[in-house]
Amino acid sequence: MKKLIQILTLIILLSMVSTVHSYADDFNVLLEKIRSSYEAGIYQETKEYLSKIMEIIQAKIGEPDHTKLHDAGNGFYYSNLSLERDPYVGDFMYFIGEITNKTGKFYSTAQFTMSVYDTSGKLLAVEDFYVKNVQNDDTVSFDGSFLDKGKIRGQFEIKIKFSSGI
């Protein structure tokens, strides 16, 4: 109940932000429906109206960067990519993400190259990794680690490119 009130408060505050005003009519109607359903104790209906408001906000701000598909070349895309220092072995970096196959064919093995750059564009690390049994229109997870020796610090950019496959 407390969480619902906090969400409602957040939505009301968001309604005051100018970036949402282009949806003001729909937004205000939904806010009123949220208030009345909540006060009437119809919490499932309140939840549905909250979901509609979140859809409006999501449409306005766009897709989060971590879920966007980034082009890896040759019909492959990557998303949900992260890279962090291994907490147990400090000289190693651990990476994890997802590869989506939009090539139109099955790959029993696909090789990719991950490149890590600092904010000025200097290449800091390169690592090859493989993804097995990737059907067309399928998304598969991958992970791995590599020896870094402390080169990767602060902010960085990661790019993945398809290398080869069978």
N, C-alpha and C. Protein backbone atom coordinates (compact mmCIF):
# COMPACT_ATOMS: atom_id res chain seq x y z
N MET A 1 0.83 -1.18 0.00
CA MET A 1 0.00 0.00 0.00
C MET A 1 0.88 1.26 0.00
N LYS A 2 1.90 1.24 0.85
CA LYS A 2 2.80 2.39 0.94
C LYS A 2 3.53 2.61 -0.38
N LYS A 3 3.93 1.50 -1.03
CA LYS A 3 4.62 1.60 -2.31
C LYS A 3 3.71 2.21 -3.37
N LEU A 4 2.45 1.83 -3.37
CA LEU A 4 1.48 2.37 -4.33
C LEU A 4 1.32 3.87 -4.14
N ILE A 5 1.27 4.31 -2.90
CA ILE A 5 1.16 5.74 -2.62
C ILE A 5 2.41 6.47 -3.10
N GLN A 6 3.59 5.86 -2.91
CA GLN A 6 4.83 6.47 -3.38
C GLN A 6 4.83 6.57 -4.91
N ILE A 7 4.36 5.52 -5.58
CA ILE A 7 4.30 5.54 -7.04
C ILE A 7 3.34 6.63 -7.50
N LEU A 8 2.19 6.72 -6.85
CA LEU A 8 1.21 7.73 -7.19
C LEU A 8 1.79 9.13 -7.01
N THR A 9 2.52 9.34 -5.95
CA THR A 9 3.17 10.63 -5.71
C THR A 9 4.18 10.93 -6.80
N LEU A 10 4.96 9.94 -7.20
CA LEU A 10 5.94 10.11 -8.27
C LEU A 10 5.24 10.49 -9.57
N ILE A 11 4.16 9.84 -9.87
CA ILE A 11 3.43 10.13 -11.11
C ILE A 11 2.87 11.54 -11.09
N ILE A 12 2.35 11.95 -9.96
CA ILE A 12 1.83 13.32 -9.85
C ILE A 12 2.94 14.33 -10.06
N LEU A 13 4.10 14.06 -9.48
CA LEU A 13 5.24 14.95 -9.69
C LEU A 13 5.67 14.97 -11.14
N LEU A 14 5.68 13.81 -11.76
CA LEU A 14 6.05 13.75 -13.18
C LEU A 14 5.07 14.51 -14.06
N SER A 15 3.82 14.57 -13.64
CA SER A 15 2.83 15.29 -14.43
C SER A 15 3.13 16.78 -14.48
N MET A 16 3.91 17.24 -13.52
CA MET A 16 4.27 18.65 -13.47
C MET A 16 5.48 18.97 -14.34
N VAL A 17 6.17 17.95 -14.81
CA VAL A 17 7.36 18.16 -15.63
C VAL A 17 6.93 18.51 -17.04
N SER A 18 7.57 19.50 -17.63
CA SER A 18 7.14 20.00 -18.94
C SER A 18 7.26 18.97 -20.04
N THR A 19 8.16 18.00 -19.94
CA THR A 19 8.30 17.03 -21.02
C THR A 19 7.09 16.12 -21.14
N VAL A 20 6.27 16.06 -20.13
CA VAL A 20 5.10 15.20 -20.16
C VAL A 20 3.87 15.98 -20.60
N HIS A 21 3.95 17.31 -20.67
CA HIS A 21 2.79 18.12 -20.97
C HIS A 21 2.19 17.86 -22.35
N SER A 22 2.94 17.33 -23.30
CA SER A 22 2.36 17.02 -24.60
C SER A 22 1.33 15.90 -24.48
N TYR A 23 1.39 15.14 -23.43
CA TYR A 23 0.42 14.09 -23.16
C TYR A 23 -0.54 14.52 -22.04
N ALA A 24 -0.63 15.82 -21.79
CA ALA A 24 -1.32 16.33 -20.61
C ALA A 24 -2.76 15.85 -20.49
N ASP A 25 -3.53 15.87 -21.57
CA ASP A 25 -4.93 15.48 -21.47
C ASP A 25 -5.07 14.02 -21.04
N ASP A 26 -4.41 13.11 -21.77
CA ASP A 26 -4.46 11.70 -21.41
C ASP A 26 -3.92 11.48 -20.00
N PHE A 27 -2.84 12.16 -19.71
CA PHE A 27 -2.17 12.00 -18.43
C PHE A 27 -3.08 12.42 -17.29
N ASN A 28 -3.71 13.60 -17.43
CA ASN A 28 -4.59 14.10 -16.37
C ASN A 28 -5.82 13.23 -16.19
N VAL A 29 -6.38 12.71 -17.29
CA VAL A 29 -7.53 11.81 -17.19
C VAL A 29 -7.12 10.56 -16.42
N LEU A 30 -5.96 10.00 -16.76
CA LEU A 30 -5.49 8.80 -16.07
C LEU A 30 -5.20 9.08 -14.60
N LEU A 31 -4.63 10.24 -14.30
CA LEU A 31 -4.37 10.58 -12.90
C LEU A 31 -5.67 10.63 -12.10
N GLU A 32 -6.70 11.20 -12.70
CA GLU A 32 -7.99 11.25 -12.01
C GLU A 32 -8.56 9.85 -11.81
N LYS A 33 -8.41 8.99 -12.81
CA LYS A 33 -8.88 7.61 -12.68
C LYS A 33 -8.10 6.86 -11.60
N ILE A 34 -6.80 7.14 -11.52
CA ILE A 34 -5.98 6.51 -10.47
C ILE A 34 -6.48 6.94 -9.10
N ARG A 35 -6.69 8.25 -8.93
CA ARG A 35 -7.16 8.76 -7.64
C ARG A 35 -8.49 8.13 -7.25
N SER A 36 -9.43 8.14 -8.19
CA SER A 36 -10.77 7.65 -7.84
C SER A 36 -10.78 6.13 -7.59
N SER A 37 -10.05 5.36 -8.39
CA SER A 37 -10.03 3.91 -8.17
C SER A 37 -9.29 3.57 -6.87
N TYR A 38 -8.24 4.34 -6.58
CA TYR A 38 -7.50 4.10 -5.33
C TYR A 38 -8.38 4.41 -4.11
N GLU A 39 -9.05 5.55 -4.16
CA GLU A 39 -9.91 5.94 -3.05
C GLU A 39 -11.08 4.97 -2.87
N ALA A 40 -11.53 4.35 -3.98
CA ALA A 40 -12.63 3.39 -3.91
C ALA A 40 -12.14 2.00 -3.49
N GLY A 41 -10.82 1.85 -3.36
CA GLY A 41 -10.27 0.56 -2.95
C GLY A 41 -10.18 -0.46 -4.07
N ILE A 42 -10.25 -0.01 -5.31
CA ILE A 42 -10.16 -0.91 -6.47
C ILE A 42 -8.70 -0.89 -6.94
N TYR A 43 -7.87 -1.65 -6.24
CA TYR A 43 -6.43 -1.57 -6.44
C TYR A 43 -5.96 -2.19 -7.76
N GLN A 44 -6.62 -3.21 -8.24
CA GLN A 44 -6.23 -3.79 -9.52
C GLN A 44 -6.44 -2.78 -10.64
N GLU A 45 -7.55 -2.06 -10.59
CA GLU A 45 -7.82 -1.02 -11.58
C GLU A 45 -6.79 0.10 -11.46
N THR A 46 -6.45 0.46 -10.24
CA THR A 46 -5.42 1.49 -10.01
C THR A 46 -4.11 1.07 -10.65
N LYS A 47 -3.75 -0.18 -10.46
CA LYS A 47 -2.51 -0.72 -11.03
C LYS A 47 -2.54 -0.64 -12.57
N GLU A 48 -3.68 -0.95 -13.17
CA GLU A 48 -3.80 -0.89 -14.63
C GLU A 48 -3.62 0.54 -15.13
N TYR A 49 -4.20 1.51 -14.44
CA TYR A 49 -4.04 2.91 -14.83
C TYR A 49 -2.60 3.37 -14.65
N LEU A 50 -1.96 2.91 -13.58
CA LEU A 50 -0.54 3.23 -13.37
C LEU A 50 0.29 2.68 -14.53
N SER A 51 -0.02 1.48 -14.98
CA SER A 51 0.70 0.88 -16.11
C SER A 51 0.53 1.72 -17.37
N LYS A 52 -0.68 2.23 -17.59
CA LYS A 52 -0.91 3.07 -18.77
C LYS A 52 -0.09 4.35 -18.70
N ILE A 53 0.01 4.92 -17.51
CA ILE A 53 0.83 6.13 -17.34
C ILE A 53 2.29 5.82 -17.62
N MET A 54 2.75 4.67 -17.14
CA MET A 54 4.15 4.29 -17.39
C MET A 54 4.39 4.10 -18.89
N GLU A 55 3.41 3.59 -19.62
CA GLU A 55 3.54 3.45 -21.07
C GLU A 55 3.69 4.82 -21.73
N ILE A 56 2.92 5.80 -21.27
CA ILE A 56 3.01 7.16 -21.81
C ILE A 56 4.40 7.73 -21.54
N ILE A 57 4.89 7.57 -20.31
CA ILE A 57 6.21 8.10 -19.96
C ILE A 57 7.29 7.39 -20.77
N GLN A 58 7.18 6.05 -20.90
CA GLN A 58 8.17 5.29 -21.67
C GLN A 58 8.19 5.74 -23.13
N ALA A 59 7.01 6.01 -23.70
CA ALA A 59 6.96 6.47 -25.09
C ALA A 59 7.63 7.83 -25.23
N LYS A 60 7.52 8.64 -24.19
CA LYS A 60 8.12 9.98 -24.25
C LYS A 60 9.63 9.94 -24.10
N ILE A 61 10.15 9.11 -23.20
CA ILE A 61 11.59 9.11 -22.96
C ILE A 61 12.33 8.11 -23.83
N GLY A 62 11.63 7.16 -24.43
CA GLY A 62 12.29 6.20 -25.31
C GLY A 62 12.77 4.98 -24.56
N GLU A 63 13.39 4.11 -25.33
CA GLU A 63 13.86 2.83 -24.81
C GLU A 63 15.14 3.02 -24.00
N PRO A 64 15.28 2.32 -22.87
CA PRO A 64 16.54 2.41 -22.12
C PRO A 64 17.71 1.90 -22.96
N ASP A 65 18.87 2.52 -22.81
CA ASP A 65 20.02 2.18 -23.66
C ASP A 65 20.44 0.72 -23.52
N HIS A 66 20.36 0.15 -22.33
CA HIS A 66 20.85 -1.21 -22.16
C HIS A 66 20.00 -2.24 -22.90
N THR A 67 18.75 -1.90 -23.26
CA THR A 67 17.93 -2.86 -23.98
C THR A 67 17.92 -2.62 -25.48
N LYS A 68 18.52 -1.54 -25.95
CA LYS A 68 18.59 -1.28 -27.38
C LYS A 68 19.47 -2.31 -28.06
N LEU A 69 19.10 -2.63 -29.29
CA LEU A 69 19.94 -3.52 -30.09
C LEU A 69 21.01 -2.70 -30.78
N HIS A 70 22.26 -3.08 -30.56
CA HIS A 70 23.40 -2.41 -31.18
C HIS A 70 23.93 -3.32 -32.28
N ASP A 71 24.26 -2.75 -33.42
CA ASP A 71 24.69 -3.51 -34.59
C ASP A 71 26.08 -4.10 -34.38
N ALA A 72 26.16 -5.44 -34.51
CA ALA A 72 27.45 -6.13 -34.44
C ALA A 72 27.93 -6.53 -35.84
N GLY A 73 27.14 -6.25 -36.86
CA GLY A 73 27.51 -6.57 -38.23
C GLY A 73 26.93 -7.89 -38.70
N ASN A 74 26.75 -8.00 -40.00
CA ASN A 74 26.29 -9.22 -40.67
C ASN A 74 24.96 -9.75 -40.14
N GLY A 75 24.10 -8.90 -39.63
CA GLY A 75 22.79 -9.33 -39.15
C GLY A 75 22.75 -9.74 -37.69
N PHE A 76 23.85 -9.54 -36.97
CA PHE A 76 23.88 -9.81 -35.54
C PHE A 76 23.79 -8.49 -34.77
N TYR A 77 23.15 -8.56 -33.60
CA TYR A 77 22.98 -7.40 -32.74
C TYR A 77 23.27 -7.80 -31.30
N TYR A 78 23.72 -6.84 -30.49
CA TYR A 78 23.96 -7.13 -29.08
C TYR A 78 23.21 -6.14 -28.21
N SER A 79 22.91 -6.57 -26.98
CA SER A 79 22.19 -5.74 -26.02
C SER A 79 22.52 -6.21 -24.61
N ASN A 80 22.03 -5.46 -23.63
CA ASN A 80 22.21 -5.80 -22.20
C ASN A 80 23.66 -6.10 -21.86
N LEU A 81 24.56 -5.32 -22.41
CA LEU A 81 25.99 -5.56 -22.24
C LEU A 81 26.52 -4.84 -21.00
N SER A 82 27.28 -5.57 -20.21
CA SER A 82 27.96 -4.93 -19.08
C SER A 82 29.36 -5.51 -18.93
N LEU A 83 30.21 -4.71 -18.36
CA LEU A 83 31.61 -5.08 -18.15
C LEU A 83 32.01 -4.53 -16.79
N GLU A 84 32.52 -5.41 -15.94
CA GLU A 84 32.94 -4.95 -14.62
C GLU A 84 34.13 -5.77 -14.13
N ARG A 85 34.85 -5.17 -13.22
CA ARG A 85 36.03 -5.84 -12.66
C ARG A 85 35.59 -7.02 -11.81
N ASP A 86 36.28 -8.13 -11.98
CA ASP A 86 36.00 -9.32 -11.18
C ASP A 86 36.33 -9.00 -9.73
N PRO A 87 35.37 -9.12 -8.81
CA PRO A 87 35.61 -8.75 -7.42
C PRO A 87 36.61 -9.67 -6.70
N TYR A 88 36.81 -10.86 -7.24
CA TYR A 88 37.69 -11.83 -6.57
C TYR A 88 39.10 -11.83 -7.15
N VAL A 89 39.21 -11.54 -8.43
CA VAL A 89 40.51 -11.51 -9.10
C VAL A 89 40.59 -10.16 -9.82
N GLY A 90 41.16 -9.16 -9.17
CA GLY A 90 41.14 -7.78 -9.63
C GLY A 90 41.74 -7.50 -10.98
N ASP A 91 42.61 -8.38 -11.49
CA ASP A 91 43.20 -8.15 -12.80
C ASP A 91 42.31 -8.62 -13.94
N PHE A 92 41.17 -9.21 -13.63
CA PHE A 92 40.27 -9.73 -14.65
C PHE A 92 39.01 -8.88 -14.75
N MET A 93 38.50 -8.77 -15.99
CA MET A 93 37.23 -8.10 -16.26
C MET A 93 36.22 -9.17 -16.64
N TYR A 94 35.00 -9.04 -16.14
CA TYR A 94 33.93 -9.97 -16.43
C TYR A 94 32.93 -9.25 -17.34
N PHE A 95 32.52 -9.90 -18.44
CA PHE A 95 31.52 -9.31 -19.32
C PHE A 95 30.34 -10.25 -19.49
N ILE A 96 29.17 -9.66 -19.74
CA ILE A 96 27.94 -10.42 -19.94
C ILE A 96 27.03 -9.61 -20.85
N GLY A 97 26.24 -10.32 -21.67
CA GLY A 97 25.32 -9.63 -22.57
C GLY A 97 24.49 -10.62 -23.35
N GLU A 98 23.85 -10.11 -24.39
CA GLU A 98 23.01 -10.94 -25.24
C GLU A 98 23.29 -10.64 -26.70
N ILE A 99 23.26 -11.69 -27.53
CA ILE A 99 23.42 -11.58 -28.98
C ILE A 99 22.10 -11.99 -29.62
N THR A 100 21.63 -11.20 -30.59
CA THR A 100 20.43 -11.51 -31.34
C THR A 100 20.81 -11.79 -32.79
N ASN A 101 20.31 -12.89 -33.32
CA ASN A 101 20.61 -13.32 -34.68
C ASN A 101 19.46 -12.91 -35.60
N LYS A 102 19.73 -11.97 -36.49
CA LYS A 102 18.76 -11.54 -37.51
C LYS A 102 19.35 -11.77 -38.90
N THR A 103 20.19 -12.81 -39.03
CA THR A 103 20.89 -13.07 -40.29
C THR A 103 20.06 -13.84 -41.30
N GLY A 104 19.02 -14.50 -40.81
CA GLY A 104 18.23 -15.34 -41.70
C GLY A 104 18.71 -16.78 -41.74
N LYS A 105 19.72 -17.10 -40.92
CA LYS A 105 20.19 -18.49 -40.90
C LYS A 105 20.69 -18.90 -39.51
N PHE A 106 20.82 -20.21 -39.32
CA PHE A 106 21.31 -20.80 -38.08
C PHE A 106 22.84 -20.78 -38.07
N TYR A 107 23.42 -20.48 -36.91
CA TYR A 107 24.87 -20.56 -36.71
C TYR A 107 25.14 -21.54 -35.59
N SER A 108 25.91 -22.59 -35.89
CA SER A 108 26.30 -23.52 -34.83
C SER A 108 27.35 -22.87 -33.92
N THR A 109 28.19 -22.03 -34.52
CA THR A 109 29.18 -21.25 -33.76
C THR A 109 29.37 -19.90 -34.44
N ALA A 110 29.29 -18.84 -33.65
CA ALA A 110 29.55 -17.48 -34.16
C ALA A 110 30.63 -16.85 -33.30
N GLN A 111 31.64 -16.28 -33.95
CA GLN A 111 32.74 -15.63 -33.23
C GLN A 111 32.54 -14.12 -33.29
N PHE A 112 32.77 -13.47 -32.15
CA PHE A 112 32.65 -12.02 -32.05
C PHE A 112 33.91 -11.46 -31.41
N THR A 113 34.19 -10.20 -31.71
CA THR A 113 35.30 -9.49 -31.09
C THR A 113 34.74 -8.31 -30.32
N MET A 114 35.08 -8.25 -29.03
CA MET A 114 34.68 -7.14 -28.18
C MET A 114 35.88 -6.22 -28.02
N SER A 115 35.67 -4.93 -28.30
CA SER A 115 36.72 -3.92 -28.13
C SER A 115 36.27 -2.92 -27.08
N VAL A 116 37.20 -2.56 -26.19
CA VAL A 116 36.90 -1.61 -25.12
C VAL A 116 37.77 -0.37 -25.34
N TYR A 117 37.12 0.80 -25.34
CA TYR A 117 37.80 2.08 -25.56
C TYR A 117 37.60 3.00 -24.38
N ASP A 118 38.57 3.88 -24.13
CA ASP A 118 38.33 4.92 -23.13
C ASP A 118 37.53 6.04 -23.79
N THR A 119 37.20 7.08 -23.03
CA THR A 119 36.34 8.14 -23.55
C THR A 119 37.00 8.96 -24.66
N SER A 120 38.33 8.91 -24.78
CA SER A 120 38.99 9.63 -25.86
C SER A 120 39.15 8.76 -27.11
N GLY A 121 38.67 7.50 -27.04
CA GLY A 121 38.74 6.62 -28.20
C GLY A 121 39.95 5.71 -28.24
N LYS A 122 40.79 5.74 -27.20
CA LYS A 122 41.97 4.88 -27.14
C LYS A 122 41.54 3.44 -26.86
N LEU A 123 42.04 2.51 -27.66
CA LEU A 123 41.73 1.09 -27.49
C LEU A 123 42.42 0.57 -26.24
N LEU A 124 41.63 -0.01 -25.33
CA LEU A 124 42.17 -0.52 -24.07
C LEU A 124 42.26 -2.04 -24.03
N ALA A 125 41.33 -2.73 -24.69
CA ALA A 125 41.30 -4.19 -24.63
C ALA A 125 40.54 -4.74 -25.82
N VAL A 126 40.91 -5.94 -26.23
CA VAL A 126 40.22 -6.67 -27.29
C VAL A 126 40.09 -8.12 -26.82
N GLU A 127 38.89 -8.66 -26.97
CA GLU A 127 38.67 -10.04 -26.54
C GLU A 127 37.71 -10.72 -27.51
N ASP A 128 38.08 -11.91 -27.98
CA ASP A 128 37.21 -12.71 -28.82
C ASP A 128 36.37 -13.62 -27.92
N PHE A 129 35.14 -13.86 -28.34
CA PHE A 129 34.29 -14.82 -27.64
C PHE A 129 33.38 -15.50 -28.66
N TYR A 130 32.83 -16.63 -28.26
CA TYR A 130 32.02 -17.45 -29.15
C TYR A 130 30.64 -17.66 -28.56
N VAL A 131 29.65 -17.72 -29.45
CA VAL A 131 28.29 -18.04 -29.07
C VAL A 131 27.88 -19.25 -29.90
N LYS A 132 27.34 -20.26 -29.25
CA LYS A 132 26.99 -21.50 -29.94
C LYS A 132 25.48 -21.66 -30.11
N ASN A 133 25.13 -22.33 -31.21
CA ASN A 133 23.73 -22.71 -31.49
C ASN A 133 22.77 -21.54 -31.45
N VAL A 134 22.95 -20.61 -32.38
CA VAL A 134 22.12 -19.41 -32.45
C VAL A 134 21.15 -19.53 -33.63
N GLN A 135 19.90 -19.78 -33.32
CA GLN A 135 18.87 -19.85 -34.36
C GLN A 135 18.58 -18.45 -34.89
N ASN A 136 18.06 -18.36 -36.12
CA ASN A 136 17.63 -17.08 -36.66
C ASN A 136 16.50 -16.53 -35.78
N ASP A 137 16.49 -15.23 -35.57
CA ASP A 137 15.51 -14.52 -34.73
C ASP A 137 15.55 -14.95 -33.27
N ASP A 138 16.67 -15.51 -32.84
CA ASP A 138 16.81 -15.93 -31.45
C ASP A 138 17.80 -15.00 -30.74
N THR A 139 17.64 -14.85 -29.45
CA THR A 139 18.56 -14.08 -28.62
C THR A 139 19.16 -15.03 -27.60
N VAL A 140 20.48 -15.04 -27.52
CA VAL A 140 21.18 -15.91 -26.57
C VAL A 140 22.11 -15.08 -25.70
N SER A 141 22.31 -15.56 -24.50
CA SER A 141 23.21 -14.88 -23.55
C SER A 141 24.63 -15.33 -23.75
N PHE A 142 25.57 -14.47 -23.41
CA PHE A 142 26.98 -14.83 -23.42
C PHE A 142 27.65 -14.19 -22.22
N ASP A 143 28.77 -14.74 -21.82
CA ASP A 143 29.58 -14.12 -20.78
C ASP A 143 31.01 -14.62 -20.91
N GLY A 144 31.88 -13.98 -20.22
CA GLY A 144 33.28 -14.37 -20.24
C GLY A 144 34.11 -13.43 -19.39
N SER A 145 35.40 -13.67 -19.38
CA SER A 145 36.31 -12.80 -18.65
C SER A 145 37.63 -12.75 -19.39
N PHE A 146 38.40 -11.72 -19.09
CA PHE A 146 39.72 -11.60 -19.70
C PHE A 146 40.65 -10.83 -18.76
N LEU A 147 41.94 -11.06 -18.95
CA LEU A 147 42.96 -10.41 -18.15
C LEU A 147 43.09 -8.95 -18.59
N ASP A 148 43.01 -8.05 -17.67
CA ASP A 148 43.02 -6.61 -17.98
C ASP A 148 44.24 -5.90 -17.38
N LYS A 149 44.70 -6.32 -16.24
CA LYS A 149 45.82 -5.70 -15.51
C LYS A 149 45.59 -4.22 -15.22
N GLY A 150 44.33 -3.85 -14.97
CA GLY A 150 44.02 -2.50 -14.51
C GLY A 150 43.98 -1.42 -15.57
N LYS A 151 44.01 -1.76 -16.85
CA LYS A 151 43.97 -0.74 -17.90
C LYS A 151 42.61 -0.05 -18.00
N ILE A 152 41.54 -0.80 -17.76
CA ILE A 152 40.19 -0.26 -17.91
C ILE A 152 39.77 0.37 -16.60
N ARG A 153 39.62 1.70 -16.64
CA ARG A 153 39.21 2.47 -15.46
C ARG A 153 38.25 3.56 -15.87
N GLY A 154 37.46 3.99 -14.94
CA GLY A 154 36.54 5.09 -15.21
C GLY A 154 35.51 4.72 -16.27
N GLN A 155 35.17 5.69 -17.10
CA GLN A 155 34.17 5.45 -18.13
C GLN A 155 34.83 4.87 -19.37
N PHE A 156 34.07 4.04 -20.07
CA PHE A 156 34.59 3.40 -21.27
C PHE A 156 33.43 3.07 -22.19
N GLU A 157 33.77 2.74 -23.43
CA GLU A 157 32.78 2.35 -24.43
C GLU A 157 33.14 0.95 -24.92
N ILE A 158 32.12 0.13 -25.14
CA ILE A 158 32.32 -1.23 -25.61
C ILE A 158 31.67 -1.38 -26.98
N LYS A 159 32.38 -2.02 -27.91
CA LYS A 159 31.81 -2.34 -29.21
C LYS A 159 32.03 -3.82 -29.47
N ILE A 160 31.03 -4.44 -30.08
CA ILE A 160 31.14 -5.86 -30.44
C ILE A 160 30.92 -5.96 -31.94
N LYS A 161 31.77 -6.75 -32.60
CA LYS A 161 31.66 -6.98 -34.04
C LYS A 161 31.70 -8.47 -34.33
N PHE A 162 30.85 -8.88 -35.27
CA PHE A 162 30.86 -10.27 -35.72
C PHE A 162 32.17 -10.51 -36.47
N SER A 163 32.83 -11.65 -36.19
CA SER A 163 34.09 -11.99 -36.85
C SER A 163 33.91 -13.09 -37.88
N SER A 164 33.31 -14.20 -37.48
CA SER A 164 33.09 -15.32 -38.39
C SER A 164 32.10 -16.29 -37.77
N GLY A 165 31.65 -17.23 -38.57
CA GLY A 165 30.72 -18.23 -38.05
C GLY A 165 30.42 -19.33 -39.03
N ILE A 166 29.92 -20.44 -38.49
CA ILE A 166 29.52 -21.58 -39.32
C ILE A 166 28.17 -22.10 -38.85
